[in-house]
Amino acid sequence: MASPIGTSDAPFGRMLTAMVTPFTADGAVDIEGVQRLATYLVDEQNNDGLVVSGTTGESATTTDAEKDRILRAVIEAVGDRATVVAGAGTYDTRHSIELAKAAESAGAHGLLVVTPYYNKPPSEGLYRHFTSVADATGLPVMLYDIPTRTGMAIGTETLLRLAAHPRIVAVKDAKSDLFAGSHVMASTDLVFYSGDDAVNLPWLSVGAAGFVSVVSHVVGAELAGMIRLFSSGHVEGARAVHRRLLPIVTGIMTRTQGAIMAKAALGLMGRPVGPVRLPLVDATREQLALLREDLVAGGVKLSD
């Protein structure tokens, strides 16, 4: 299924949220909540893409059947006006291929495939893993490079090899190595997306197409505005947005796990999305108090 807004220089759009997964109070997937959140992110927070069942979506603790239901719900809600990217990466190539095929059958516009975690394959194993998943469907693939979670980075030489695959078109970079990313962008057609909200603006400065963000659950419209300002040459304006959002990035991304605080932030805004699943735990009273201060400092309107 073709993306409704993709272009060669931004195949998945420019402003994407790595969407949390709403759960009911008893821990079940809240499909109505999934659709409400997706609609809010696209229609009110100016996202032109969503990543479903990534790390922030607690993909490690949702079943394959739940992932399929979540993906289909998001596509039904916003798939006609936003790119819907399905997380399909695991530490098992065969399982990743199964998830990729299921996502294609459900109507996803693209795949997010994370570096295999825990088993630390050598570079040849990484290459074969990613190309095997890309070979399994006709969908474009965004690689997800996040060594703080997976235990290893995708090396520059491996990225240069992977860029030759016709369906591997982008990288979500969360290792914040702008120098290495610049080399890859200079030598290939791979499109980079910032996967670390702390360095969104620096990534734009070296050629990234946009963001796959977590803080965009609450300030997606502002981040989309930052991209537009920078792209139109208004660098000072983009820098002002970057600085204004610093407290929000601090509150959501630096005190505990991002999914925990993104859900907490939505709750403080009057858009509750339920609890997290173990082994994650909900924000503490102290964390909520600090988060409230951070959101207010960043200009976010909170619910009474």
C-alpha atoms as a PDB file:
ATOM      1  CA  MET A   1       0.000   0.000   0.000  1.00  0.00           C
ATOM      2  CA  ALA A   2       1.505   3.315  -1.084  1.00  0.00           C
ATOM      3  CA  SER A   3       2.052   6.096   1.428  1.00  0.00           C
ATOM      4  CA  PRO A   4      -0.431   8.940   0.954  1.00  0.00           C
ATOM      5  CA  ILE A   5       2.250  11.575   1.500  1.00  0.00           C
ATOM      6  CA  GLY A   6       5.672   9.998   0.881  1.00  0.00           C
ATOM      7  CA  THR A   7       8.244  11.613  -1.419  1.00  0.00           C
ATOM      8  CA  SER A   8      11.698  10.550  -2.557  1.00  0.00           C
ATOM      9  CA  ASP A   9      13.370  12.920  -0.093  1.00  0.00           C
ATOM     10  CA  ALA A  10      10.990  12.008   2.764  1.00  0.00           C
ATOM     11  CA  PRO A  11       9.555   8.559   1.981  1.00  0.00           C
ATOM     12  CA  PHE A  12       7.675   8.272   5.290  1.00  0.00           C
ATOM     13  CA  GLY A  13       6.773  11.940   5.702  1.00  0.00           C
ATOM     14  CA  ARG A  14       8.656  14.407   7.868  1.00  0.00           C
ATOM     15  CA  MET A  15       6.939  14.488  11.272  1.00  0.00           C
ATOM     16  CA  LEU A  16       6.270  11.038  12.704  1.00  0.00           C
ATOM     17  CA  THR A  17       5.364  10.015  16.235  1.00  0.00           C
ATOM     18  CA  ALA A  18       6.538   6.724  17.679  1.00  0.00           C
ATOM     19  CA  MET A  19       3.077   6.087  19.061  1.00  0.00           C
ATOM     20  CA  VAL A  20       2.338   4.681  22.503  1.00  0.00           C
ATOM     21  CA  THR A  21      -0.171   1.842  22.703  1.00  0.00           C
ATOM     22  CA  PRO A  22      -3.271   2.693  24.750  1.00  0.00           C
ATOM     23  CA  PHE A  23      -4.304   0.004  27.238  1.00  0.00           C
ATOM     24  CA  THR A  24      -7.395  -0.387  29.362  1.00  0.00           C
ATOM     25  CA  ALA A  25      -7.131  -0.343  33.149  1.00  0.00           C
ATOM     26  CA  ASP A  26      -6.772  -4.134  33.189  1.00  0.00           C
ATOM     27  CA  GLY A  27      -3.949  -4.087  30.626  1.00  0.00           C
ATOM     28  CA  ALA A  28      -5.823  -5.053  27.457  1.00  0.00           C
ATOM     29  CA  VAL A  29      -5.242  -3.181  24.203  1.00  0.00           C
ATOM     30  CA  ASP A  30      -7.742  -0.323  23.950  1.00  0.00           C
ATOM     31  CA  ILE A  31      -8.583  -0.308  20.231  1.00  0.00           C
ATOM     32  CA  GLU A  32     -10.917   2.675  20.501  1.00  0.00           C
ATOM     33  CA  GLY A  33      -8.171   4.477  22.397  1.00  0.00           C
ATOM     34  CA  VAL A  34      -5.671   3.547  19.677  1.00  0.00           C
ATOM     35  CA  GLN A  35      -7.870   5.171  17.048  1.00  0.00           C
ATOM     36  CA  ARG A  36      -8.537   8.258  19.148  1.00  0.00           C
ATOM     37  CA  LEU A  37      -4.831   8.756  19.747  1.00  0.00           C
ATOM     38  CA  ALA A  38      -3.895   8.226  16.100  1.00  0.00           C
ATOM     39  CA  THR A  39      -6.528  10.732  14.992  1.00  0.00           C
ATOM     40  CA  TYR A  40      -5.347  13.286  17.552  1.00  0.00           C
ATOM     41  CA  LEU A  41      -1.716  12.908  16.512  1.00  0.00           C
ATOM     42  CA  VAL A  42      -2.489  13.393  12.824  1.00  0.00           C
ATOM     43  CA  ASP A  43      -5.295  15.957  12.962  1.00  0.00           C
ATOM     44  CA  GLU A  44      -4.228  18.047  15.961  1.00  0.00           C
ATOM     45  CA  GLN A  45      -0.491  17.447  16.321  1.00  0.00           C
ATOM     46  CA  ASN A  46       0.276  17.752  12.589  1.00  0.00           C
ATOM     47  CA  ASN A  47       1.950  14.381  12.165  1.00  0.00           C
ATOM     48  CA  ASP A  48       2.134  13.141   8.593  1.00  0.00           C
ATOM     49  CA  GLY A  49       3.226   9.709   9.768  1.00  0.00           C
ATOM     50  CA  LEU A  50       2.944   7.331  12.699  1.00  0.00           C
ATOM     51  CA  VAL A  51       5.162   4.465  13.808  1.00  0.00           C
ATOM     52  CA  VAL A  52       3.087   1.680  15.341  1.00  0.00           C
ATOM     53  CA  SER A  53       4.431  -1.072  17.628  1.00  0.00           C
ATOM     54  CA  GLY A  54       7.879   0.380  18.042  1.00  0.00           C
ATOM     55  CA  THR A  55       9.688   0.498  21.364  1.00  0.00           C
ATOM     56  CA  THR A  56       7.485   3.350  22.587  1.00  0.00           C
ATOM     57  CA  GLY A  57       4.469   1.246  21.598  1.00  0.00           C
ATOM     58  CA  GLU A  58       5.666  -1.426  24.060  1.00  0.00           C
ATOM     59  CA  SER A  59       6.126  -3.914  21.237  1.00  0.00           C
ATOM     60  CA  ALA A  60       8.159  -6.190  23.505  1.00  0.00           C
ATOM     61  CA  THR A  61       5.042  -6.956  25.551  1.00  0.00           C
ATOM     62  CA  THR A  62       2.340  -7.099  22.869  1.00  0.00           C
ATOM     63  CA  THR A  63       1.519 -10.308  21.030  1.00  0.00           C
ATOM     64  CA  ASP A  64       1.636 -10.679  17.268  1.00  0.00           C
ATOM     65  CA  ALA A  65      -2.166 -10.774  17.207  1.00  0.00           C
ATOM     66  CA  GLU A  66      -2.332  -7.549  19.228  1.00  0.00           C
ATOM     67  CA  LYS A  67       0.176  -5.891  16.903  1.00  0.00           C
ATOM     68  CA  ASP A  68      -2.025  -6.783  13.948  1.00  0.00           C
ATOM     69  CA  ARG A  69      -5.149  -5.366  15.605  1.00  0.00           C
ATOM     70  CA  ILE A  70      -3.342  -2.156  16.588  1.00  0.00           C
ATOM     71  CA  LEU A  71      -1.949  -1.669  13.081  1.00  0.00           C
ATOM     72  CA  ARG A  72      -5.290  -2.266  11.385  1.00  0.00           C
ATOM     73  CA  ALA A  73      -6.990   0.155  13.778  1.00  0.00           C
ATOM     74  CA  VAL A  74      -4.476   2.912  13.026  1.00  0.00           C
ATOM     75  CA  ILE A  75      -4.732   2.354   9.280  1.00  0.00           C
ATOM     76  CA  GLU A  76      -8.523   2.528   9.481  1.00  0.00           C
ATOM     77  CA  ALA A  77      -8.355   5.771  11.477  1.00  0.00           C
ATOM     78  CA  VAL A  78      -5.675   7.742   9.583  1.00  0.00           C
ATOM     79  CA  GLY A  79      -4.192   5.612   6.807  1.00  0.00           C
ATOM     80  CA  ASP A  80      -5.741   7.757   4.089  1.00  0.00           C
ATOM     81  CA  ARG A  81      -3.855  10.872   5.186  1.00  0.00           C
ATOM     82  CA  ALA A  82      -0.729   9.737   7.038  1.00  0.00           C
ATOM     83  CA  THR A  83       2.019   7.185   6.499  1.00  0.00           C
ATOM     84  CA  VAL A  84       1.590   4.233   8.855  1.00  0.00           C
ATOM     85  CA  VAL A  85       4.870   2.443   9.579  1.00  0.00           C
ATOM     86  CA  ALA A  86       4.737  -0.909  11.359  1.00  0.00           C
ATOM     87  CA  GLY A  87       7.440  -2.054  13.748  1.00  0.00           C
ATOM     88  CA  ALA A  88       8.612  -5.455  12.513  1.00  0.00           C
ATOM     89  CA  GLY A  89      12.037  -5.871  14.075  1.00  0.00           C
ATOM     90  CA  THR A  90      12.979  -8.543  16.590  1.00  0.00           C
ATOM     91  CA  TYR A  91      16.154 -10.462  17.452  1.00  0.00           C
ATOM     92  CA  ASP A  92      14.903 -13.393  15.341  1.00  0.00           C
ATOM     93  CA  THR A  93      15.045 -12.955  11.566  1.00  0.00           C
ATOM     94  CA  ARG A  94      12.320 -15.505  10.885  1.00  0.00           C
ATOM     95  CA  HIS A  95       9.958 -13.842  13.362  1.00  0.00           C
ATOM     96  CA  SER A  96      10.750 -10.427  11.887  1.00  0.00           C
ATOM     97  CA  ILE A  97       9.862 -11.726   8.424  1.00  0.00           C
ATOM     98  CA  GLU A  98       6.537 -13.039   9.768  1.00  0.00           C
ATOM     99  CA  LEU A  99       5.743  -9.643  11.296  1.00  0.00           C
ATOM    100  CA  ALA A 100       6.732  -7.870   8.073  1.00  0.00           C
ATOM    101  CA  LYS A 101       4.442 -10.057   5.975  1.00  0.00           C
ATOM    102  CA  ALA A 102       1.580  -9.587   8.426  1.00  0.00           C
ATOM    103  CA  ALA A 103       2.071  -5.811   8.327  1.00  0.00           C
ATOM    104  CA  GLU A 104       1.969  -5.815   4.539  1.00  0.00           C
ATOM    105  CA  SER A 105      -1.241  -7.875   4.596  1.00  0.00           C
ATOM    106  CA  ALA A 106      -2.779  -5.403   7.051  1.00  0.00           C
ATOM    107  CA  GLY A 107      -2.068  -2.477   4.727  1.00  0.00           C
ATOM    108  CA  ALA A 108       0.986  -0.833   6.306  1.00  0.00           C
ATOM    109  CA  HIS A 109       2.817   1.736   4.199  1.00  0.00           C
ATOM    110  CA  GLY A 110       6.265   0.809   5.484  1.00  0.00           C
ATOM    111  CA  LEU A 111       8.306  -1.121   8.023  1.00  0.00           C
ATOM    112  CA  LEU A 112      10.539  -0.089  10.920  1.00  0.00           C
ATOM    113  CA  VAL A 113      13.187  -2.773  11.504  1.00  0.00           C
ATOM    114  CA  VAL A 114      15.349  -2.394  14.583  1.00  0.00           C
ATOM    115  CA  THR A 115      18.844  -3.785  14.989  1.00  0.00           C
ATOM    116  CA  PRO A 116      18.566  -7.291  16.496  1.00  0.00           C
ATOM    117  CA  TYR A 117      18.961  -6.948  20.223  1.00  0.00           C
ATOM    118  CA  TYR A 118      20.565  -9.157  22.873  1.00  0.00           C
ATOM    119  CA  ASN A 119      22.260 -11.663  20.541  1.00  0.00           C
ATOM    120  CA  LYS A 120      24.773  -9.134  19.076  1.00  0.00           C
ATOM    121  CA  PRO A 121      25.248 -10.510  15.554  1.00  0.00           C
ATOM    122  CA  PRO A 122      28.394  -9.612  13.579  1.00  0.00           C
ATOM    123  CA  SER A 123      28.115  -7.108  10.751  1.00  0.00           C
ATOM    124  CA  GLU A 124      27.457  -9.828   8.176  1.00  0.00           C
ATOM    125  CA  GLY A 125      24.601 -11.104  10.331  1.00  0.00           C
ATOM    126  CA  LEU A 126      23.138  -7.595  10.525  1.00  0.00           C
ATOM    127  CA  TYR A 127      23.366  -7.251   6.764  1.00  0.00           C
ATOM    128  CA  ARG A 128      21.656 -10.572   6.116  1.00  0.00           C
ATOM    129  CA  HIS A 129      18.995  -9.903   8.748  1.00  0.00           C
ATOM    130  CA  PHE A 130      17.958  -6.549   7.288  1.00  0.00           C
ATOM    131  CA  THR A 131      18.071  -7.678   3.663  1.00  0.00           C
ATOM    132  CA  SER A 132      16.102 -10.842   4.469  1.00  0.00           C
ATOM    133  CA  VAL A 133      13.318  -8.777   6.028  1.00  0.00           C
ATOM    134  CA  ALA A 134      13.407  -6.293   3.149  1.00  0.00           C
ATOM    135  CA  ASP A 135      13.232  -9.153   0.630  1.00  0.00           C
ATOM    136  CA  ALA A 136      10.121 -10.594   2.317  1.00  0.00           C
ATOM    137  CA  THR A 137       7.679  -7.833   1.272  1.00  0.00           C
ATOM    138  CA  GLY A 138       7.268  -5.013  -1.206  1.00  0.00           C
ATOM    139  CA  LEU A 139       7.240  -2.365   1.536  1.00  0.00           C
ATOM    140  CA  PRO A 140       9.895   0.323   2.017  1.00  0.00           C
ATOM    141  CA  VAL A 141      12.054  -0.214   5.102  1.00  0.00           C
ATOM    142  CA  MET A 142      13.344   2.225   7.701  1.00  0.00           C
ATOM    143  CA  LEU A 143      16.262   0.785   9.673  1.00  0.00           C
ATOM    144  CA  TYR A 144      16.302   1.636  13.381  1.00  0.00           C
ATOM    145  CA  ASP A 145      19.772   2.205  14.823  1.00  0.00           C
ATOM    146  CA  ILE A 146      19.615   2.500  18.628  1.00  0.00           C
ATOM    147  CA  PRO A 147      22.662   0.919  20.276  1.00  0.00           C
ATOM    148  CA  THR A 148      21.693   1.987  23.812  1.00  0.00           C
ATOM    149  CA  ARG A 149      18.828  -0.526  23.606  1.00  0.00           C
ATOM    150  CA  THR A 150      20.175  -3.175  21.246  1.00  0.00           C
ATOM    151  CA  GLY A 151      23.766  -3.360  22.467  1.00  0.00           C
ATOM    152  CA  MET A 152      25.315  -2.542  19.095  1.00  0.00           C
ATOM    153  CA  ALA A 153      25.224   0.046  16.334  1.00  0.00           C
ATOM    154  CA  ILE A 154      24.866  -0.474  12.605  1.00  0.00           C
ATOM    155  CA  GLY A 155      28.350   0.308  11.317  1.00  0.00           C
ATOM    156  CA  THR A 156      28.886   2.806   8.517  1.00  0.00           C
ATOM    157  CA  GLU A 157      30.213   0.185   6.109  1.00  0.00           C
ATOM    158  CA  THR A 158      27.169  -1.993   6.780  1.00  0.00           C
ATOM    159  CA  LEU A 159      24.839   0.937   6.118  1.00  0.00           C
ATOM    160  CA  LEU A 160      26.637   1.624   2.851  1.00  0.00           C
ATOM    161  CA  ARG A 161      26.033  -1.994   1.811  1.00  0.00           C
ATOM    162  CA  LEU A 162      22.405  -1.921   2.924  1.00  0.00           C
ATOM    163  CA  ALA A 163      21.762   1.250   0.935  1.00  0.00           C
ATOM    164  CA  ALA A 164      22.075  -0.777  -2.255  1.00  0.00           C
ATOM    165  CA  HIS A 165      18.870  -2.664  -1.445  1.00  0.00           C
ATOM    166  CA  PRO A 166      15.985  -1.092  -3.376  1.00  0.00           C
ATOM    167  CA  ARG A 167      13.551  -1.235  -0.449  1.00  0.00           C
ATOM    168  CA  ILE A 168      15.894  -0.109   2.348  1.00  0.00           C
ATOM    169  CA  VAL A 169      15.336   3.611   1.998  1.00  0.00           C
ATOM    170  CA  ALA A 170      15.759   5.268   5.396  1.00  0.00           C
ATOM    171  CA  VAL A 171      17.372   5.180   8.834  1.00  0.00           C
ATOM    172  CA  LYS A 172      15.889   6.204  12.152  1.00  0.00           C
ATOM    173  CA  ASP A 173      19.047   7.212  13.972  1.00  0.00           C
ATOM    174  CA  ALA A 174      19.091   7.162  17.769  1.00  0.00           C
ATOM    175  CA  LYS A 175      22.849   6.860  18.239  1.00  0.00           C
ATOM    176  CA  SER A 176      23.340  10.619  17.679  1.00  0.00           C
ATOM    177  CA  ASP A 177      26.484  10.198  15.601  1.00  0.00           C
ATOM    178  CA  LEU A 178      25.929  13.081  13.189  1.00  0.00           C
ATOM    179  CA  PHE A 179      29.394  12.673  11.701  1.00  0.00           C
ATOM    180  CA  ALA A 180      28.825   9.029  10.740  1.00  0.00           C
ATOM    181  CA  GLY A 181      25.328   9.804   9.500  1.00  0.00           C
ATOM    182  CA  SER A 182      26.690  12.632   7.367  1.00  0.00           C
ATOM    183  CA  HIS A 183      29.103  10.220   5.679  1.00  0.00           C
ATOM    184  CA  VAL A 184      26.270   7.823   4.884  1.00  0.00           C
ATOM    185  CA  MET A 185      24.020  10.576   3.519  1.00  0.00           C
ATOM    186  CA  ALA A 186      26.873  11.936   1.400  1.00  0.00           C
ATOM    187  CA  SER A 187      27.552   8.523  -0.132  1.00  0.00           C
ATOM    188  CA  THR A 188      24.065   7.024  -0.530  1.00  0.00           C
ATOM    189  CA  ASP A 189      20.409   7.861  -1.067  1.00  0.00           C
ATOM    190  CA  LEU A 190      19.454   6.711   2.446  1.00  0.00           C
ATOM    191  CA  VAL A 191      17.144   9.219   4.117  1.00  0.00           C
ATOM    192  CA  PHE A 192      17.847   9.911   7.789  1.00  0.00           C
ATOM    193  CA  TYR A 193      15.298  10.662  10.491  1.00  0.00           C
ATOM    194  CA  SER A 194      16.223  11.856  13.964  1.00  0.00           C
ATOM    195  CA  GLY A 195      15.239   9.222  16.503  1.00  0.00           C
ATOM    196  CA  ASP A 196      16.509  11.191  19.495  1.00  0.00           C
ATOM    197  CA  ASP A 197      14.451  14.234  20.474  1.00  0.00           C
ATOM    198  CA  ALA A 198      17.430  15.888  22.160  1.00  0.00           C
ATOM    199  CA  VAL A 199      19.176  16.350  18.802  1.00  0.00           C
ATOM    200  CA  ASN A 200      16.284  16.913  16.389  1.00  0.00           C
ATOM    201  CA  LEU A 201      17.524  20.309  15.247  1.00  0.00           C
ATOM    202  CA  PRO A 202      21.173  19.239  14.846  1.00  0.00           C
ATOM    203  CA  TRP A 203      20.019  16.370  12.631  1.00  0.00           C
ATOM    204  CA  LEU A 204      18.164  18.798  10.371  1.00  0.00           C
ATOM    205  CA  SER A 205      21.364  20.827  10.058  1.00  0.00           C
ATOM    206  CA  VAL A 206      23.239  17.896   8.482  1.00  0.00           C
ATOM    207  CA  GLY A 207      20.449  16.824   6.150  1.00  0.00           C
ATOM    208  CA  ALA A 208      17.890  14.699   7.998  1.00  0.00           C
ATOM    209  CA  ALA A 209      14.414  14.663   6.444  1.00  0.00           C
ATOM    210  CA  GLY A 210      12.522  14.859   9.712  1.00  0.00           C
ATOM    211  CA  PHE A 211      11.826  13.223  13.044  1.00  0.00           C
ATOM    212  CA  VAL A 212      10.494  10.011  14.551  1.00  0.00           C
ATOM    213  CA  SER A 213       9.665  11.532  17.903  1.00  0.00           C
ATOM    214  CA  VAL A 214       8.289  10.655  21.320  1.00  0.00           C
ATOM    215  CA  VAL A 215       7.765  14.170  22.688  1.00  0.00           C
ATOM    216  CA  SER A 216       5.582  14.810  19.631  1.00  0.00           C
ATOM    217  CA  HIS A 217       2.744  13.164  21.549  1.00  0.00           C
ATOM    218  CA  VAL A 218       2.392  16.574  23.187  1.00  0.00           C
ATOM    219  CA  VAL A 219       4.256  19.019  20.876  1.00  0.00           C
ATOM    220  CA  GLY A 220       4.049  17.434  17.435  1.00  0.00           C
ATOM    221  CA  ALA A 221       2.677  20.618  15.897  1.00  0.00           C
ATOM    222  CA  GLU A 222       5.610  22.615  17.280  1.00  0.00           C
ATOM    223  CA  LEU A 223       8.116  20.089  15.947  1.00  0.00           C
ATOM    224  CA  ALA A 224       6.437  20.116  12.544  1.00  0.00           C
ATOM    225  CA  GLY A 225       6.750  23.893  12.656  1.00  0.00           C
ATOM    226  CA  MET A 226      10.457  23.592  13.478  1.00  0.00           C
ATOM    227  CA  ILE A 227      10.958  21.462  10.365  1.00  0.00           C
ATOM    228  CA  ARG A 228       9.098  23.966   8.195  1.00  0.00           C
ATOM    229  CA  LEU A 229      11.052  26.903   9.620  1.00  0.00           C
ATOM    230  CA  PHE A 230      14.412  25.246   9.096  1.00  0.00           C
ATOM    231  CA  SER A 231      13.519  24.028   5.591  1.00  0.00           C
ATOM    232  CA  SER A 232      12.483  27.538   4.561  1.00  0.00           C
ATOM    233  CA  GLY A 233      15.722  29.082   5.837  1.00  0.00           C
ATOM    234  CA  HIS A 234      14.393  30.511   9.109  1.00  0.00           C
ATOM    235  CA  VAL A 235      17.127  28.975  11.239  1.00  0.00           C
ATOM    236  CA  GLU A 236      16.716  31.402  14.140  1.00  0.00           C
ATOM    237  CA  GLY A 237      13.020  30.573  14.333  1.00  0.00           C
ATOM    238  CA  ALA A 238      13.776  26.845  14.352  1.00  0.00           C
ATOM    239  CA  ARG A 239      16.361  27.388  17.079  1.00  0.00           C
ATOM    240  CA  ALA A 240      13.798  29.263  19.162  1.00  0.00           C
ATOM    241  CA  VAL A 241      11.412  26.306  18.943  1.00  0.00           C
ATOM    242  CA  HIS A 242      14.232  23.929  19.881  1.00  0.00           C
ATOM    243  CA  ARG A 243      15.056  25.953  22.972  1.00  0.00           C
ATOM    244  CA  ARG A 244      11.425  26.393  23.991  1.00  0.00           C
ATOM    245  CA  LEU A 245      10.903  22.624  23.934  1.00  0.00           C
ATOM    246  CA  LEU A 246      13.979  21.767  26.030  1.00  0.00           C
ATOM    247  CA  PRO A 247      11.995  21.347  29.299  1.00  0.00           C
ATOM    248  CA  ILE A 248       9.571  18.975  27.571  1.00  0.00           C
ATOM    249  CA  VAL A 249      12.380  16.821  26.187  1.00  0.00           C
ATOM    250  CA  THR A 250      13.917  16.788  29.656  1.00  0.00           C
ATOM    251  CA  GLY A 251      10.651  15.756  31.285  1.00  0.00           C
ATOM    252  CA  ILE A 252       9.679  12.996  28.886  1.00  0.00           C
ATOM    253  CA  MET A 253      13.024  11.604  27.782  1.00  0.00           C
ATOM    254  CA  THR A 254      15.561  11.907  30.603  1.00  0.00           C
ATOM    255  CA  ARG A 255      14.032  10.815  33.924  1.00  0.00           C
ATOM    256  CA  THR A 256      12.768   7.330  33.106  1.00  0.00           C
ATOM    257  CA  GLN A 257      11.640   5.293  30.104  1.00  0.00           C
ATOM    258  CA  GLY A 258      10.025   7.344  27.319  1.00  0.00           C
ATOM    259  CA  ALA A 259       6.814   5.328  26.979  1.00  0.00           C
ATOM    260  CA  ILE A 260       6.144   5.764  30.695  1.00  0.00           C
ATOM    261  CA  MET A 261       6.464   9.531  30.547  1.00  0.00           C
ATOM    262  CA  ALA A 262       4.702   9.968  27.205  1.00  0.00           C
ATOM    263  CA  LYS A 263       1.673   8.185  28.636  1.00  0.00           C
ATOM    264  CA  ALA A 264       1.927  10.248  31.807  1.00  0.00           C
ATOM    265  CA  ALA A 265       2.112  13.468  29.766  1.00  0.00           C
ATOM    266  CA  LEU A 266      -0.972  12.551  27.765  1.00  0.00           C
ATOM    267  CA  GLY A 267      -2.784  11.894  31.020  1.00  0.00           C
ATOM    268  CA  LEU A 268      -1.820  15.312  32.364  1.00  0.00           C
ATOM    269  CA  MET A 269      -3.213  16.833  29.172  1.00  0.00           C
ATOM    270  CA  GLY A 270      -6.570  15.159  29.706  1.00  0.00           C
ATOM    271  CA  ARG A 271      -5.950  12.465  27.073  1.00  0.00           C
ATOM    272  CA  PRO A 272      -5.410   9.335  29.182  1.00  0.00           C
ATOM    273  CA  VAL A 273      -4.128   6.260  27.373  1.00  0.00           C
ATOM    274  CA  GLY A 274      -3.998   3.837  30.281  1.00  0.00           C
ATOM    275  CA  PRO A 275      -1.113   2.158  32.074  1.00  0.00           C
ATOM    276  CA  VAL A 276       2.096   0.585  30.830  1.00  0.00           C
ATOM    277  CA  ARG A 277       2.688  -3.163  30.934  1.00  0.00           C
ATOM    278  CA  LEU A 278       5.242  -4.871  33.127  1.00  0.00           C
ATOM    279  CA  PRO A 279       8.191  -4.835  33.266  1.00  0.00           C
ATOM    280  CA  LEU A 280       7.534  -1.111  32.793  1.00  0.00           C
ATOM    281  CA  VAL A 281       5.798   0.649  35.666  1.00  0.00           C
ATOM    282  CA  ASP A 282       3.749   3.831  35.676  1.00  0.00           C
ATOM    283  CA  ALA A 283       5.279   7.170  36.628  1.00  0.00           C
ATOM    284  CA  THR A 284       5.618   7.815  40.337  1.00  0.00           C
ATOM    285  CA  ARG A 285       3.977  10.733  42.113  1.00  0.00           C
ATOM    286  CA  GLU A 286       7.345  12.501  42.247  1.00  0.00           C
ATOM    287  CA  GLN A 287       7.981  11.933  38.536  1.00  0.00           C
ATOM    288  CA  LEU A 288       4.516  13.254  37.694  1.00  0.00           C
ATOM    289  CA  ALA A 289       5.114  16.400  39.723  1.00  0.00           C
ATOM    290  CA  LEU A 290       8.383  17.098  37.905  1.00  0.00           C
ATOM    291  CA  LEU A 291       6.795  16.300  34.555  1.00  0.00           C
ATOM    292  CA  ARG A 292       3.980  18.743  35.221  1.00  0.00           C
ATOM    293  CA  GLU A 293       6.550  21.484  35.895  1.00  0.00           C
ATOM    294  CA  ASP A 294       8.441  20.618  32.709  1.00  0.00           C
ATOM    295  CA  LEU A 295       5.336  20.641  30.520  1.00  0.00           C
ATOM    296  CA  VAL A 296       4.177  23.969  31.926  1.00  0.00           C
ATOM    297  CA  ALA A 297       7.645  25.426  31.385  1.00  0.00           C
ATOM    298  CA  GLY A 298       7.457  24.287  27.766  1.00  0.00           C
ATOM    299  CA  GLY A 299       4.063  25.896  27.223  1.00  0.00           C
ATOM    300  CA  VAL A 300       1.908  22.762  27.172  1.00  0.00           C
ATOM    301  CA  LYS A 301      -1.669  23.302  28.260  1.00  0.00           C
ATOM    302  CA  LEU A 302      -2.605  20.803  30.966  1.00  0.00           C
ATOM    303  CA  SER A 303      -5.959  19.528  32.081  1.00  0.00           C
ATOM    304  CA  ASP A 304      -7.337  20.816  35.368  1.00  0.00           C
END
